[in-house]
Amino acid sequence: MKQSGGIGRFYIGFLLALFWLPVFLVIVYSFNANPTPTSAAFRGFSTEWYRALFRDRDMRSALGNSLMIGTATVFLSLAIGTPAAVAMTRGRSFATAALEHFSYLAILLPEIILGISFLSWYAAIKLPFGTGAIICAHTTFCIPYTVVMIRARLAGFDRSLEEAARDLGANERQVFFTVILPSLVPAIASSAVLCFVMSLDNVIISFFASGPEGMTLPLKIYSLLKLRPTPEINALCAIMTAITLAAVFLASLSDRKGRAYSGAHRNDSKS
């Protein structure tokens, strides 16, 4: 048993190192005074690359665009995906079955195909390329993930809570906003984080939908790596990692509160 426990701890440690060691090195080298970004030699601690990063107007603009696009994508994906997930769970028809299969198809399609599809579609309807086009593309890309995650949460939902609310005189709208929606908080929070992160680091779809005013942070990083590699990229990656971890922390906090809320209401309905 002790040998098995040691193997398990070693395996977990190996996985953690495999996942986080490259990220940790990027964060460490973001404070490296070495001006050569491809060099592994550490020449002392410095915050120069963070200062240079925030002095770069184009970089600040790209960061602002990415945060704005990611936030808009989250709100639109949740606003469209949450009612769709509820409708697909409550009723079985040809339309809901088709929507379910198309949702999985959108997840499985390679991003390069989606990017080219958005390019052709926007050109056909004469939608200007740029920030608005990227938001539409990211929202379309993220909605299936929102639907899948919220449907998974609804699969374990206690329908007796709805019946109890209806017995107390609540109509359908009140049941949704006071019973169903609060119980979906963990899934909504997880979906929001996933959509935000997927929008924040998307390159392929953003490349096809972007215009002169639609430069995002990943596209900026890609162009710098191709044209002018600088240590600012390490600082930028460290900031993006911090933003992602903060989003995950907030989702975890919302998940705990949502589970506590659902547990309290479930106990109330039983009593």
C-alpha atoms as a PDB file:
ATOM      1  CA  MET A   1       0.000   0.000   0.000  1.00  0.00           C
ATOM      2  CA  LYS A   2       2.835   2.378   0.877  1.00  0.00           C
ATOM      3  CA  GLN A   3       4.535   1.615  -2.428  1.00  0.00           C
ATOM      4  CA  SER A   4       1.287   2.301  -4.283  1.00  0.00           C
ATOM      5  CA  GLY A   5       0.876   5.619  -2.451  1.00  0.00           C
ATOM      6  CA  GLY A   6       4.443   6.609  -3.331  1.00  0.00           C
ATOM      7  CA  ILE A   7       3.869   5.825  -6.998  1.00  0.00           C
ATOM      8  CA  GLY A   8       0.674   7.894  -6.935  1.00  0.00           C
ATOM      9  CA  ARG A   9       2.441  10.888  -5.385  1.00  0.00           C
ATOM     10  CA  PHE A  10       5.269  10.598  -7.904  1.00  0.00           C
ATOM     11  CA  TYR A  11       2.767  10.455 -10.777  1.00  0.00           C
ATOM     12  CA  ILE A  12       0.892  13.513  -9.494  1.00  0.00           C
ATOM     13  CA  GLY A  13       4.176  15.378  -9.027  1.00  0.00           C
ATOM     14  CA  PHE A  14       5.234  14.429 -12.553  1.00  0.00           C
ATOM     15  CA  LEU A  15       1.961  15.729 -14.011  1.00  0.00           C
ATOM     16  CA  LEU A  16       2.211  18.996 -12.052  1.00  0.00           C
ATOM     17  CA  ALA A  17       5.782  19.490 -13.252  1.00  0.00           C
ATOM     18  CA  LEU A  18       4.760  18.667 -16.828  1.00  0.00           C
ATOM     19  CA  PHE A  19       1.928  21.216 -16.732  1.00  0.00           C
ATOM     20  CA  TRP A  20       3.413  24.036 -14.691  1.00  0.00           C
ATOM     21  CA  LEU A  21       7.194  23.943 -15.116  1.00  0.00           C
ATOM     22  CA  PRO A  22       7.135  25.648 -18.554  1.00  0.00           C
ATOM     23  CA  VAL A  23       4.739  28.301 -17.203  1.00  0.00           C
ATOM     24  CA  PHE A  24       6.935  28.795 -14.139  1.00  0.00           C
ATOM     25  CA  LEU A  25      10.007  29.273 -16.340  1.00  0.00           C
ATOM     26  CA  VAL A  26       8.232  31.912 -18.425  1.00  0.00           C
ATOM     27  CA  ILE A  27       7.334  33.820 -15.245  1.00  0.00           C
ATOM     28  CA  VAL A  28      10.910  33.552 -13.950  1.00  0.00           C
ATOM     29  CA  TYR A  29      12.418  34.750 -17.232  1.00  0.00           C
ATOM     30  CA  SER A  30      10.011  37.680 -17.318  1.00  0.00           C
ATOM     31  CA  PHE A  31      12.194  39.089 -14.510  1.00  0.00           C
ATOM     32  CA  ASN A  32      15.457  38.222 -16.280  1.00  0.00           C
ATOM     33  CA  ALA A  33      17.739  41.169 -17.001  1.00  0.00           C
ATOM     34  CA  ASN A  34      19.075  39.367 -20.075  1.00  0.00           C
ATOM     35  CA  PRO A  35      17.888  41.331 -23.142  1.00  0.00           C
ATOM     36  CA  THR A  36      18.003  38.207 -25.356  1.00  0.00           C
ATOM     37  CA  PRO A  37      14.624  36.440 -25.051  1.00  0.00           C
ATOM     38  CA  THR A  38      15.895  33.157 -26.541  1.00  0.00           C
ATOM     39  CA  SER A  39      18.809  32.885 -24.103  1.00  0.00           C
ATOM     40  CA  ALA A  40      18.523  30.690 -20.992  1.00  0.00           C
ATOM     41  CA  ALA A  41      21.227  32.638 -19.118  1.00  0.00           C
ATOM     42  CA  PHE A  42      19.799  34.461 -16.087  1.00  0.00           C
ATOM     43  CA  ARG A  43      21.649  37.782 -15.614  1.00  0.00           C
ATOM     44  CA  GLY A  44      19.880  39.143 -12.570  1.00  0.00           C
ATOM     45  CA  PHE A  45      16.484  40.287 -11.389  1.00  0.00           C
ATOM     46  CA  SER A  46      14.819  43.126 -13.314  1.00  0.00           C
ATOM     47  CA  THR A  47      11.327  44.546 -13.840  1.00  0.00           C
ATOM     48  CA  GLU A  48      12.418  46.462 -16.938  1.00  0.00           C
ATOM     49  CA  TRP A  49      10.392  44.306 -19.316  1.00  0.00           C
ATOM     50  CA  TYR A  50       7.165  45.004 -17.395  1.00  0.00           C
ATOM     51  CA  ARG A  51       7.869  48.734 -17.511  1.00  0.00           C
ATOM     52  CA  ALA A  52       8.672  48.519 -21.227  1.00  0.00           C
ATOM     53  CA  LEU A  53       5.503  46.531 -21.762  1.00  0.00           C
ATOM     54  CA  PHE A  54       3.269  49.155 -20.173  1.00  0.00           C
ATOM     55  CA  ARG A  55       5.053  51.916 -22.079  1.00  0.00           C
ATOM     56  CA  ASP A  56       4.176  50.190 -25.364  1.00  0.00           C
ATOM     57  CA  ARG A  57       0.967  51.852 -26.569  1.00  0.00           C
ATOM     58  CA  ASP A  58       0.244  49.174 -29.174  1.00  0.00           C
ATOM     59  CA  MET A  59       0.613  46.450 -26.558  1.00  0.00           C
ATOM     60  CA  ARG A  60      -1.731  48.220 -24.137  1.00  0.00           C
ATOM     61  CA  SER A  61      -4.238  48.658 -26.944  1.00  0.00           C
ATOM     62  CA  ALA A  62      -4.041  44.954 -27.852  1.00  0.00           C
ATOM     63  CA  LEU A  63      -4.478  43.973 -24.190  1.00  0.00           C
ATOM     64  CA  GLY A  64      -7.494  46.257 -23.857  1.00  0.00           C
ATOM     65  CA  ASN A  65      -9.024  44.807 -27.035  1.00  0.00           C
ATOM     66  CA  SER A  66      -8.533  41.242 -25.804  1.00  0.00           C
ATOM     67  CA  LEU A  67     -10.080  41.951 -22.398  1.00  0.00           C
ATOM     68  CA  MET A  68     -13.035  43.750 -23.983  1.00  0.00           C
ATOM     69  CA  ILE A  69     -13.581  41.015 -26.583  1.00  0.00           C
ATOM     70  CA  GLY A  70     -13.285  38.303 -23.930  1.00  0.00           C
ATOM     71  CA  THR A  71     -15.794  40.023 -21.630  1.00  0.00           C
ATOM     72  CA  ALA A  72     -18.288  40.578 -24.461  1.00  0.00           C
ATOM     73  CA  THR A  73     -17.862  36.956 -25.566  1.00  0.00           C
ATOM     74  CA  VAL A  74     -18.620  35.712 -22.046  1.00  0.00           C
ATOM     75  CA  PHE A  75     -21.823  37.747 -21.712  1.00  0.00           C
ATOM     76  CA  LEU A  76     -23.123  36.862 -25.181  1.00  0.00           C
ATOM     77  CA  SER A  77     -22.232  33.173 -24.881  1.00  0.00           C
ATOM     78  CA  LEU A  78     -23.989  32.880 -21.516  1.00  0.00           C
ATOM     79  CA  ALA A  79     -27.004  34.924 -22.650  1.00  0.00           C
ATOM     80  CA  ILE A  80     -27.504  32.671 -25.670  1.00  0.00           C
ATOM     81  CA  GLY A  81     -26.169  29.349 -24.407  1.00  0.00           C
ATOM     82  CA  THR A  82     -27.928  29.195 -21.019  1.00  0.00           C
ATOM     83  CA  PRO A  83     -31.539  29.381 -22.341  1.00  0.00           C
ATOM     84  CA  ALA A  84     -30.562  27.010 -25.158  1.00  0.00           C
ATOM     85  CA  ALA A  85     -29.209  24.453 -22.681  1.00  0.00           C
ATOM     86  CA  VAL A  86     -32.347  24.696 -20.545  1.00  0.00           C
ATOM     87  CA  ALA A  87     -34.603  24.293 -23.589  1.00  0.00           C
ATOM     88  CA  MET A  88     -32.610  21.308 -24.883  1.00  0.00           C
ATOM     89  CA  THR A  89     -32.850  19.616 -21.478  1.00  0.00           C
ATOM     90  CA  ARG A  90     -36.582  20.234 -20.948  1.00  0.00           C
ATOM     91  CA  GLY A  91     -37.937  19.286 -24.356  1.00  0.00           C
ATOM     92  CA  ARG A  92     -37.020  16.629 -26.891  1.00  0.00           C
ATOM     93  CA  SER A  93     -37.910  17.452 -30.483  1.00  0.00           C
ATOM     94  CA  PHE A  94     -36.283  17.385 -33.881  1.00  0.00           C
ATOM     95  CA  ALA A  95     -35.101  20.984 -33.404  1.00  0.00           C
ATOM     96  CA  THR A  96     -33.465  20.344 -30.026  1.00  0.00           C
ATOM     97  CA  ALA A  97     -31.863  17.118 -31.285  1.00  0.00           C
ATOM     98  CA  ALA A  98     -30.474  18.932 -34.336  1.00  0.00           C
ATOM     99  CA  LEU A  99     -29.172  21.768 -32.144  1.00  0.00           C
ATOM    100  CA  GLU A 100     -27.491  19.240 -29.857  1.00  0.00           C
ATOM    101  CA  HIS A 101     -25.704  17.498 -32.733  1.00  0.00           C
ATOM    102  CA  PHE A 102     -24.649  20.771 -34.339  1.00  0.00           C
ATOM    103  CA  SER A 103     -23.238  21.907 -30.968  1.00  0.00           C
ATOM    104  CA  TYR A 104     -20.966  18.873 -30.795  1.00  0.00           C
ATOM    105  CA  LEU A 105     -20.025  19.338 -34.452  1.00  0.00           C
ATOM    106  CA  ALA A 106     -18.918  22.936 -33.768  1.00  0.00           C
ATOM    107  CA  ILE A 107     -16.686  21.691 -30.959  1.00  0.00           C
ATOM    108  CA  LEU A 108     -15.103  18.968 -33.098  1.00  0.00           C
ATOM    109  CA  LEU A 109     -14.428  21.102 -36.181  1.00  0.00           C
ATOM    110  CA  PRO A 110     -10.814  22.318 -36.485  1.00  0.00           C
ATOM    111  CA  GLU A 111     -10.399  26.023 -35.820  1.00  0.00           C
ATOM    112  CA  ILE A 112      -8.819  26.590 -39.218  1.00  0.00           C
ATOM    113  CA  ILE A 113     -12.086  25.497 -40.862  1.00  0.00           C
ATOM    114  CA  LEU A 114     -14.120  27.745 -38.577  1.00  0.00           C
ATOM    115  CA  GLY A 115     -11.783  30.655 -39.294  1.00  0.00           C
ATOM    116  CA  ILE A 116     -12.094  30.266 -43.057  1.00  0.00           C
ATOM    117  CA  SER A 117     -15.881  29.854 -42.702  1.00  0.00           C
ATOM    118  CA  PHE A 118     -16.167  33.098 -40.752  1.00  0.00           C
ATOM    119  CA  LEU A 119     -13.980  34.843 -43.324  1.00  0.00           C
ATOM    120  CA  SER A 120     -16.213  33.719 -46.189  1.00  0.00           C
ATOM    121  CA  TRP A 121     -19.435  34.483 -44.307  1.00  0.00           C
ATOM    122  CA  TYR A 122     -18.375  37.988 -43.246  1.00  0.00           C
ATOM    123  CA  ALA A 123     -17.272  38.751 -46.791  1.00  0.00           C
ATOM    124  CA  ALA A 124     -20.634  37.527 -48.129  1.00  0.00           C
ATOM    125  CA  ILE A 125     -22.732  39.651 -45.751  1.00  0.00           C
ATOM    126  CA  LYS A 126     -20.256  42.553 -45.985  1.00  0.00           C
ATOM    127  CA  LEU A 127     -19.615  42.673 -42.235  1.00  0.00           C
ATOM    128  CA  PRO A 128     -16.557  44.859 -41.538  1.00  0.00           C
ATOM    129  CA  PHE A 129     -13.601  42.919 -40.185  1.00  0.00           C
ATOM    130  CA  GLY A 130     -12.403  44.047 -36.785  1.00  0.00           C
ATOM    131  CA  THR A 131     -13.462  43.992 -33.150  1.00  0.00           C
ATOM    132  CA  GLY A 132     -17.161  43.368 -33.820  1.00  0.00           C
ATOM    133  CA  ALA A 133     -16.423  40.517 -36.210  1.00  0.00           C
ATOM    134  CA  ILE A 134     -14.067  38.894 -33.691  1.00  0.00           C
ATOM    135  CA  ILE A 135     -16.706  39.113 -30.934  1.00  0.00           C
ATOM    136  CA  CYS A 136     -19.291  37.450 -33.201  1.00  0.00           C
ATOM    137  CA  ALA A 137     -16.839  34.709 -34.170  1.00  0.00           C
ATOM    138  CA  HIS A 138     -15.670  34.065 -30.599  1.00  0.00           C
ATOM    139  CA  THR A 139     -19.267  33.971 -29.353  1.00  0.00           C
ATOM    140  CA  THR A 140     -20.265  31.445 -32.011  1.00  0.00           C
ATOM    141  CA  PHE A 141     -17.199  29.385 -31.139  1.00  0.00           C
ATOM    142  CA  CYS A 142     -17.877  29.444 -27.361  1.00  0.00           C
ATOM    143  CA  ILE A 143     -21.660  28.887 -27.284  1.00  0.00           C
ATOM    144  CA  PRO A 144     -21.409  25.073 -27.784  1.00  0.00           C
ATOM    145  CA  TYR A 145     -19.056  24.775 -24.798  1.00  0.00           C
ATOM    146  CA  THR A 146     -21.489  26.787 -22.669  1.00  0.00           C
ATOM    147  CA  VAL A 147     -24.389  24.571 -23.731  1.00  0.00           C
ATOM    148  CA  VAL A 148     -22.501  21.355 -22.949  1.00  0.00           C
ATOM    149  CA  MET A 149     -21.349  22.504 -19.500  1.00  0.00           C
ATOM    150  CA  ILE A 150     -24.732  23.850 -18.415  1.00  0.00           C
ATOM    151  CA  ARG A 151     -26.539  20.768 -19.711  1.00  0.00           C
ATOM    152  CA  ALA A 152     -24.200  18.613 -17.632  1.00  0.00           C
ATOM    153  CA  ARG A 153     -25.194  20.625 -14.570  1.00  0.00           C
ATOM    154  CA  LEU A 154     -28.893  20.348 -15.414  1.00  0.00           C
ATOM    155  CA  ALA A 155     -28.587  16.563 -15.723  1.00  0.00           C
ATOM    156  CA  GLY A 156     -28.190  16.321 -11.946  1.00  0.00           C
ATOM    157  CA  PHE A 157     -30.735  19.005 -11.102  1.00  0.00           C
ATOM    158  CA  ASP A 158     -33.411  18.045  -8.559  1.00  0.00           C
ATOM    159  CA  ARG A 159     -36.728  18.617 -10.354  1.00  0.00           C
ATOM    160  CA  SER A 160     -38.589  18.454  -7.038  1.00  0.00           C
ATOM    161  CA  LEU A 161     -37.363  21.997  -6.349  1.00  0.00           C
ATOM    162  CA  GLU A 162     -39.328  23.227  -9.371  1.00  0.00           C
ATOM    163  CA  GLU A 163     -42.414  21.332  -8.275  1.00  0.00           C
ATOM    164  CA  ALA A 164     -42.171  22.814  -4.809  1.00  0.00           C
ATOM    165  CA  ALA A 165     -41.882  26.328  -6.267  1.00  0.00           C
ATOM    166  CA  ARG A 166     -44.914  25.776  -8.490  1.00  0.00           C
ATOM    167  CA  ASP A 167     -46.886  24.438  -5.538  1.00  0.00           C
ATOM    168  CA  LEU A 168     -46.146  27.716  -3.794  1.00  0.00           C
ATOM    169  CA  GLY A 169     -47.623  29.672  -6.709  1.00  0.00           C
ATOM    170  CA  ALA A 170     -44.518  30.562  -8.760  1.00  0.00           C
ATOM    171  CA  ASN A 171     -44.926  30.941 -12.516  1.00  0.00           C
ATOM    172  CA  GLU A 172     -42.425  29.714 -15.117  1.00  0.00           C
ATOM    173  CA  ARG A 173     -40.397  32.920 -15.139  1.00  0.00           C
ATOM    174  CA  GLN A 174     -40.169  32.981 -11.352  1.00  0.00           C
ATOM    175  CA  VAL A 175     -39.183  29.306 -11.269  1.00  0.00           C
ATOM    176  CA  PHE A 176     -36.379  29.950 -13.728  1.00  0.00           C
ATOM    177  CA  PHE A 177     -34.923  33.008 -11.986  1.00  0.00           C
ATOM    178  CA  THR A 178     -35.389  31.880  -8.367  1.00  0.00           C
ATOM    179  CA  VAL A 179     -34.812  28.113  -8.591  1.00  0.00           C
ATOM    180  CA  ILE A 180     -33.120  27.008 -11.810  1.00  0.00           C
ATOM    181  CA  LEU A 181     -30.745  29.910 -12.457  1.00  0.00           C
ATOM    182  CA  PRO A 182     -29.213  30.020  -8.916  1.00  0.00           C
ATOM    183  CA  SER A 183     -28.523  26.288  -9.099  1.00  0.00           C
ATOM    184  CA  LEU A 184     -26.668  26.849 -12.380  1.00  0.00           C
ATOM    185  CA  VAL A 185     -24.204  29.318 -10.840  1.00  0.00           C
ATOM    186  CA  PRO A 186     -21.311  26.786 -10.664  1.00  0.00           C
ATOM    187  CA  ALA A 187     -21.783  25.782 -14.315  1.00  0.00           C
ATOM    188  CA  ILE A 188     -22.251  29.392 -15.418  1.00  0.00           C
ATOM    189  CA  ALA A 189     -19.083  30.455 -13.593  1.00  0.00           C
ATOM    190  CA  SER A 190     -17.085  27.600 -15.122  1.00  0.00           C
ATOM    191  CA  SER A 191     -18.475  28.386 -18.571  1.00  0.00           C
ATOM    192  CA  ALA A 192     -17.614  32.064 -18.142  1.00  0.00           C
ATOM    193  CA  VAL A 193     -13.993  31.245 -17.278  1.00  0.00           C
ATOM    194  CA  LEU A 194     -13.682  28.791 -20.159  1.00  0.00           C
ATOM    195  CA  CYS A 195     -15.172  31.233 -22.679  1.00  0.00           C
ATOM    196  CA  PHE A 196     -13.000  34.089 -21.424  1.00  0.00           C
ATOM    197  CA  VAL A 197      -9.785  32.057 -21.575  1.00  0.00           C
ATOM    198  CA  MET A 198     -10.621  30.609 -24.999  1.00  0.00           C
ATOM    199  CA  SER A 199     -11.332  34.093 -26.317  1.00  0.00           C
ATOM    200  CA  LEU A 200      -8.256  35.577 -24.662  1.00  0.00           C
ATOM    201  CA  ASP A 201      -5.783  33.137 -26.217  1.00  0.00           C
ATOM    202  CA  ASN A 202      -7.458  32.473 -29.580  1.00  0.00           C
ATOM    203  CA  VAL A 203      -5.201  33.067 -32.571  1.00  0.00           C
ATOM    204  CA  ILE A 204      -6.623  31.262 -35.603  1.00  0.00           C
ATOM    205  CA  ILE A 205     -10.208  32.555 -35.586  1.00  0.00           C
ATOM    206  CA  SER A 206      -9.045  36.030 -34.522  1.00  0.00           C
ATOM    207  CA  PHE A 207      -6.583  36.076 -37.426  1.00  0.00           C
ATOM    208  CA  PHE A 208      -9.321  35.496 -40.021  1.00  0.00           C
ATOM    209  CA  ALA A 209     -11.840  37.908 -38.430  1.00  0.00           C
ATOM    210  CA  SER A 210      -9.497  40.734 -37.442  1.00  0.00           C
ATOM    211  CA  GLY A 211      -9.037  44.015 -39.249  1.00  0.00           C
ATOM    212  CA  PRO A 212      -6.825  47.087 -38.829  1.00  0.00           C
ATOM    213  CA  GLU A 213      -8.633  47.993 -35.574  1.00  0.00           C
ATOM    214  CA  GLY A 214      -9.001  44.435 -34.301  1.00  0.00           C
ATOM    215  CA  MET A 215      -5.508  43.581 -33.064  1.00  0.00           C
ATOM    216  CA  THR A 216      -5.721  41.213 -30.098  1.00  0.00           C
ATOM    217  CA  LEU A 217      -3.033  40.203 -27.641  1.00  0.00           C
ATOM    218  CA  PRO A 218      -2.338  36.732 -29.101  1.00  0.00           C
ATOM    219  CA  LEU A 219      -2.041  38.224 -32.598  1.00  0.00           C
ATOM    220  CA  LYS A 220       0.342  40.851 -31.228  1.00  0.00           C
ATOM    221  CA  ILE A 221       2.470  38.177 -29.566  1.00  0.00           C
ATOM    222  CA  TYR A 222       2.508  36.131 -32.755  1.00  0.00           C
ATOM    223  CA  SER A 223       3.636  39.109 -34.821  1.00  0.00           C
ATOM    224  CA  LEU A 224       6.366  39.972 -32.300  1.00  0.00           C
ATOM    225  CA  LEU A 225       7.684  36.413 -32.303  1.00  0.00           C
ATOM    226  CA  LYS A 226       7.870  36.477 -36.093  1.00  0.00           C
ATOM    227  CA  LEU A 227       9.271  39.980 -36.542  1.00  0.00           C
ATOM    228  CA  ARG A 228      10.846  41.274 -33.332  1.00  0.00           C
ATOM    229  CA  PRO A 229      11.286  38.814 -30.416  1.00  0.00           C
ATOM    230  CA  THR A 230      11.756  40.731 -27.156  1.00  0.00           C
ATOM    231  CA  PRO A 231      11.735  39.812 -23.429  1.00  0.00           C
ATOM    232  CA  GLU A 232       8.482  41.780 -23.157  1.00  0.00           C
ATOM    233  CA  ILE A 233       6.752  38.647 -24.468  1.00  0.00           C
ATOM    234  CA  ASN A 234       7.687  36.762 -21.277  1.00  0.00           C
ATOM    235  CA  ALA A 235       6.251  39.577 -19.156  1.00  0.00           C
ATOM    236  CA  LEU A 236       3.113  39.559 -21.261  1.00  0.00           C
ATOM    237  CA  CYS A 237       2.703  35.793 -20.860  1.00  0.00           C
ATOM    238  CA  ALA A 238       3.141  36.154 -17.091  1.00  0.00           C
ATOM    239  CA  ILE A 239       0.369  38.772 -16.985  1.00  0.00           C
ATOM    240  CA  MET A 240      -1.950  36.582 -19.063  1.00  0.00           C
ATOM    241  CA  THR A 241      -1.249  33.674 -16.689  1.00  0.00           C
ATOM    242  CA  ALA A 242      -2.132  35.872 -13.708  1.00  0.00           C
ATOM    243  CA  ILE A 243      -5.390  36.947 -15.364  1.00  0.00           C
ATOM    244  CA  THR A 244      -6.298  33.322 -16.094  1.00  0.00           C
ATOM    245  CA  LEU A 245      -5.539  32.191 -12.533  1.00  0.00           C
ATOM    246  CA  ALA A 246      -7.625  35.059 -11.146  1.00  0.00           C
ATOM    247  CA  ALA A 247     -10.537  34.023 -13.355  1.00  0.00           C
ATOM    248  CA  VAL A 248     -10.206  30.394 -12.205  1.00  0.00           C
ATOM    249  CA  PHE A 249     -10.153  31.526  -8.552  1.00  0.00           C
ATOM    250  CA  LEU A 250     -13.332  33.566  -9.018  1.00  0.00           C
ATOM    251  CA  ALA A 251     -15.016  30.613 -10.754  1.00  0.00           C
ATOM    252  CA  SER A 252     -14.015  28.308  -7.906  1.00  0.00           C
ATOM    253  CA  LEU A 253     -15.394  30.781  -5.368  1.00  0.00           C
ATOM    254  CA  SER A 254     -18.668  31.042  -7.290  1.00  0.00           C
ATOM    255  CA  ASP A 255     -18.805  27.251  -7.529  1.00  0.00           C
ATOM    256  CA  ARG A 256     -18.568  26.843  -3.738  1.00  0.00           C
ATOM    257  CA  LYS A 257     -21.217  29.486  -3.117  1.00  0.00           C
ATOM    258  CA  GLY A 258     -23.504  27.975  -5.749  1.00  0.00           C
ATOM    259  CA  ARG A 259     -23.194  24.483  -4.273  1.00  0.00           C
ATOM    260  CA  ALA A 260     -23.885  25.826  -0.797  1.00  0.00           C
ATOM    261  CA  TYR A 261     -26.979  27.634  -2.121  1.00  0.00           C
ATOM    262  CA  SER A 262     -28.253  24.515  -3.890  1.00  0.00           C
ATOM    263  CA  GLY A 263     -27.643  22.376  -0.820  1.00  0.00           C
ATOM    264  CA  ALA A 264     -29.529  24.795   1.423  1.00  0.00           C
ATOM    265  CA  HIS A 265     -32.518  24.898  -0.935  1.00  0.00           C
ATOM    266  CA  ARG A 266     -32.517  21.135  -1.299  1.00  0.00           C
ATOM    267  CA  ASN A 267     -32.644  20.722   2.485  1.00  0.00           C
ATOM    268  CA  ASP A 268     -35.447  23.292   2.703  1.00  0.00           C
ATOM    269  CA  SER A 269     -37.526  21.421   0.113  1.00  0.00           C
ATOM    270  CA  LYS A 270     -37.076  18.135   1.960  1.00  0.00           C
ATOM    271  CA  SER A 271     -38.108  19.668   5.260  1.00  0.00           C
END
